[in-house]
């Protein structure tokens, strides 16, 4: 024991080494404590993030619990497994996609098309501009456009079911054509000669 005291008194390097070790041990405790605290907070944040993420992706309670327990048990490894297995889209993304699909479907059903050639037509067209199919007729009393299947005019309450539809052939309008009696020659025969 005396020898070690003499050695410490004569050699200053030996006496300063326990001070350095004490200083390192004094600093090592808080550093390890901070590192452990960081790892605990990081693990808890992974668990909380996983729980929030799975809740945004599914309403299945069992899946939510299993994903959270997986990350709680295996930490970063569990997070990687969860990221591989989790649903691709969130519930909000699925809802937005459904709204877009419904709006497209509603837009397609609102578009009117020709029953013959399926070309797009407007609501005020009497005939299809592509194929000449008769789409609507005008009321003889108020001259508003009516559907071909209507029996009564909804605007003036006129009975149009018994009224003859102009132009029996699809796409041929009889407006502006003189009656057949005023044509020269046989009414059933085409008119010959120069028309212009």
Protein backbone atom coordinates (compact mmCIF):
# COMPACT_ATOMS: atom_id res chain seq x y z
CA UNK A 1 0.00 0.00 0.00
CA UNK A 2 2.84 2.40 0.85
CA UNK A 3 4.49 1.59 -2.42
CA UNK A 4 1.44 2.67 -4.41
CA UNK A 5 1.27 5.94 -2.49
CA UNK A 6 4.91 6.63 -3.18
CA UNK A 7 4.40 5.79 -6.83
CA UNK A 8 1.45 8.12 -7.09
CA UNK A 9 3.38 10.91 -5.38
CA UNK A 10 6.42 10.58 -7.63
CA UNK A 11 4.65 9.98 -10.97
CA UNK A 12 2.08 12.70 -11.88
CA UNK A 13 0.79 10.76 -14.94
CA UNK A 14 -0.41 7.90 -12.80
CA UNK A 15 -2.25 10.25 -10.45
CA UNK A 16 -4.11 12.02 -13.33
CA UNK A 17 -5.35 8.80 -14.94
CA UNK A 18 -7.96 8.06 -12.23
CA UNK A 19 -9.25 11.62 -12.70
CA UNK A 20 -9.70 11.04 -16.45
CA UNK A 21 -11.43 7.74 -15.83
CA UNK A 22 -13.71 9.37 -13.29
CA UNK A 23 -14.51 12.17 -15.74
CA UNK A 24 -15.25 9.68 -18.52
CA UNK A 25 -17.44 7.63 -16.20
CA UNK A 26 -19.18 10.80 -15.10
CA UNK A 27 -19.93 11.76 -18.74
CA UNK A 28 -20.76 8.24 -19.86
CA UNK A 29 -23.75 7.98 -17.52
CA UNK A 30 -25.68 10.96 -18.96
CA UNK A 31 -24.75 10.01 -22.54
CA UNK A 32 -26.09 6.47 -22.05
CA UNK A 33 -29.16 7.89 -20.31
CA UNK A 34 -29.85 10.25 -23.25
CA UNK A 35 -29.33 7.41 -25.72
CA UNK A 36 -31.73 5.13 -23.84
CA UNK A 37 -34.29 7.96 -23.61
CA UNK A 38 -33.95 8.60 -27.35
CA UNK A 39 -34.47 4.91 -28.16
CA UNK A 40 -37.55 4.73 -25.93
CA UNK A 41 -39.07 7.88 -27.47
CA UNK A 42 -38.20 6.65 -30.98
CA UNK A 43 -39.85 3.27 -30.30
CA UNK A 44 -42.96 4.95 -28.90
CA UNK A 45 -43.13 7.31 -31.88
CA UNK A 46 -42.91 4.33 -34.28
CA UNK A 47 -45.78 2.64 -32.45
CA UNK A 48 -47.91 5.81 -32.45
CA UNK A 49 -47.15 6.49 -36.15
CA UNK A 50 -48.07 2.92 -37.08
CA UNK A 51 -51.34 3.11 -35.16
CA UNK A 52 -52.30 6.39 -36.84
CA UNK A 53 -51.28 5.14 -40.26
CA UNK A 54 -53.21 1.87 -40.04
CA UNK A 55 -56.28 3.72 -38.74
CA UNK A 56 -56.14 5.95 -41.83
CA UNK A 57 -55.97 2.86 -44.09
CA UNK A 58 -58.51 0.44 -42.64
CA UNK A 59 -61.45 0.33 -40.27
CA UNK A 60 -60.77 -3.28 -39.25
CA UNK A 61 -59.99 -3.16 -35.52
CA UNK A 62 -58.09 -6.47 -35.54
CA UNK A 63 -55.75 -5.26 -38.30
CA UNK A 64 -55.11 -2.05 -36.37
CA UNK A 65 -54.17 -3.96 -33.21
CA UNK A 66 -52.00 -6.52 -35.06
CA UNK A 67 -50.03 -3.83 -36.90
CA UNK A 68 -49.44 -1.87 -33.70
CA UNK A 69 -48.34 -4.98 -31.76
CA UNK A 70 -46.03 -6.00 -34.62
CA UNK A 71 -44.18 -2.69 -34.43
CA UNK A 72 -44.20 -2.73 -30.63
CA UNK A 73 -42.57 -6.17 -30.52
CA UNK A 74 -40.08 -5.92 -33.37
CA UNK A 75 -39.50 -2.15 -33.47
CA UNK A 76 -37.82 -1.11 -36.77
CA UNK A 77 -38.04 -4.65 -38.19
CA UNK A 78 -41.76 -4.71 -37.41
CA UNK A 79 -42.12 -1.32 -39.09
CA UNK A 80 -40.56 -2.67 -42.29
CA UNK A 81 -42.88 -5.68 -42.21
CA UNK A 82 -45.85 -3.37 -41.64
CA UNK A 83 -44.80 -1.12 -44.56
CA UNK A 84 -44.70 -4.17 -46.83
CA UNK A 85 -48.11 -5.51 -45.73
CA UNK A 86 -50.12 -2.34 -45.16
CA UNK A 87 -53.01 -1.39 -47.49
CA UNK A 88 -51.84 0.68 -50.43
CA UNK A 89 -54.40 3.49 -50.19
CA UNK A 90 -55.80 5.43 -47.28
CA UNK A 91 -59.53 5.57 -46.67
CA UNK A 92 -59.55 9.21 -47.78
CA UNK A 93 -57.90 8.29 -51.11
CA UNK A 94 -60.41 5.49 -51.65
CA UNK A 95 -63.27 7.89 -50.89
CA UNK A 96 -61.90 10.50 -53.32
CA UNK A 97 -61.52 7.86 -56.04
CA UNK A 98 -65.11 6.71 -55.49
CA UNK A 99 -66.32 10.31 -55.74
CA UNK A 100 -64.43 10.76 -59.02
CA UNK A 101 -65.89 7.54 -60.40
CA UNK A 102 -69.40 8.56 -59.37
CA UNK A 103 -69.02 12.00 -60.92
CA UNK A 104 -67.73 10.46 -64.16
CA UNK A 105 -70.63 8.03 -64.17
CA UNK A 106 -73.11 10.84 -63.52
CA UNK A 107 -71.53 12.89 -66.30
CA UNK A 108 -71.79 9.95 -68.69
CA UNK A 109 -75.44 9.39 -67.84
CA UNK A 110 -76.19 13.10 -68.22
CA UNK A 111 -74.69 13.11 -71.71
CA UNK A 112 -77.33 12.39 -74.25
CA UNK A 113 -76.45 10.12 -77.11
CA UNK A 114 -78.22 9.09 -80.27
CA UNK A 115 -80.09 5.82 -79.92
CA UNK A 116 -79.02 4.79 -83.41
CA UNK A 117 -75.31 5.69 -83.75
CA UNK A 118 -74.49 6.65 -80.11
CA UNK A 119 -73.07 10.01 -81.17
CA UNK A 120 -73.22 12.79 -78.61
CA UNK A 121 -76.25 15.02 -79.05
CA UNK A 122 -77.52 18.10 -77.27
CA UNK A 123 -80.86 18.36 -75.51
CA UNK A 124 -82.28 20.75 -78.11
CA UNK A 125 -81.45 18.64 -81.19
CA UNK A 126 -84.42 17.39 -83.20
CA UNK A 127 -82.33 14.99 -85.28
CA UNK A 128 -78.91 13.40 -84.81
CA UNK A 129 -76.33 15.37 -86.79
CA UNK A 130 -74.39 12.18 -87.56
CA UNK A 131 -77.02 9.73 -88.78
CA UNK A 132 -80.20 11.80 -89.08
CA UNK A 133 -82.17 9.76 -86.51
CA UNK A 134 -85.26 11.65 -85.28
CA UNK A 135 -84.68 12.50 -81.63
CA UNK A 136 -87.48 14.92 -80.71
CA UNK A 137 -90.51 16.57 -82.21
CA UNK A 138 -92.04 19.96 -81.67
CA UNK A 139 -95.42 20.51 -80.11
CA UNK A 140 -97.94 21.70 -82.72
CA UNK A 141 -99.41 24.20 -80.27
CA UNK A 142 -96.46 25.74 -78.34
CA UNK A 143 -93.66 24.52 -80.62
CA UNK A 144 -91.46 23.33 -77.75
CA UNK A 145 -89.37 20.21 -78.20
CA UNK A 146 -90.94 17.01 -76.92
CA UNK A 147 -89.69 13.48 -76.48
CA UNK A 148 -90.98 11.11 -79.15
CA UNK A 149 -92.72 8.85 -76.62
CA UNK A 150 -94.69 11.64 -74.91
CA UNK A 151 -98.45 11.69 -75.43
CA UNK A 152 -99.08 15.10 -73.87
CA UNK A 153 -97.03 18.27 -74.03
CA UNK A 154 -95.89 19.08 -70.48
CA UNK A 155 -95.69 22.78 -71.34
CA UNK A 156 -99.15 23.48 -72.79
CA UNK A 157 -101.03 20.23 -71.91
CA UNK A 158 -101.84 19.62 -75.57
CA UNK A 159 -102.58 16.03 -76.58
CA UNK A 160 -99.82 15.24 -79.06
CA UNK A 161 -100.31 11.48 -79.05
CA UNK A 162 -102.94 11.62 -81.79
CA UNK A 163 -101.13 14.29 -83.80
CA UNK A 164 -99.19 12.94 -86.76
CA UNK A 165 -95.46 13.11 -86.32
CA UNK A 166 -93.81 15.08 -89.08
CA UNK A 167 -91.44 13.04 -91.17
CA UNK A 168 -92.14 9.34 -90.75
CA UNK A 169 -88.68 8.42 -91.93
CA UNK A 170 -85.85 9.00 -89.49
CA UNK A 171 -83.87 12.13 -90.14
CA UNK A 172 -86.12 13.49 -92.90
CA UNK A 173 -87.91 16.67 -92.00
CA UNK A 174 -91.05 17.47 -93.96
CA UNK A 175 -90.96 21.18 -93.17
CA UNK A 176 -90.69 23.38 -96.23
CA UNK A 177 -91.68 20.60 -98.64
CA UNK A 178 -94.84 21.40 -100.62
CA UNK A 179 -97.66 18.90 -100.47
CA UNK A 180 -97.61 16.21 -103.16
CA UNK A 181 -100.76 17.57 -104.85
CA UNK A 182 -98.96 20.76 -105.81
CA UNK A 183 -96.17 18.86 -107.55
CA UNK A 184 -96.44 18.51 -111.28
CA UNK A 185 -96.93 15.02 -112.67
CA UNK A 186 -97.74 11.92 -110.67
CA UNK A 187 -97.58 12.40 -106.92
CA UNK A 188 -95.75 9.12 -106.42
CA UNK A 189 -93.16 9.73 -109.15
CA UNK A 190 -90.04 11.84 -108.72
CA UNK A 191 -89.98 15.24 -110.32
CA UNK A 192 -87.91 15.31 -113.48
CA UNK A 193 -86.14 18.23 -115.01
CA UNK A 194 -83.85 20.94 -113.80
CA UNK A 195 -84.46 21.75 -110.18
CA UNK A 196 -82.22 24.81 -110.04
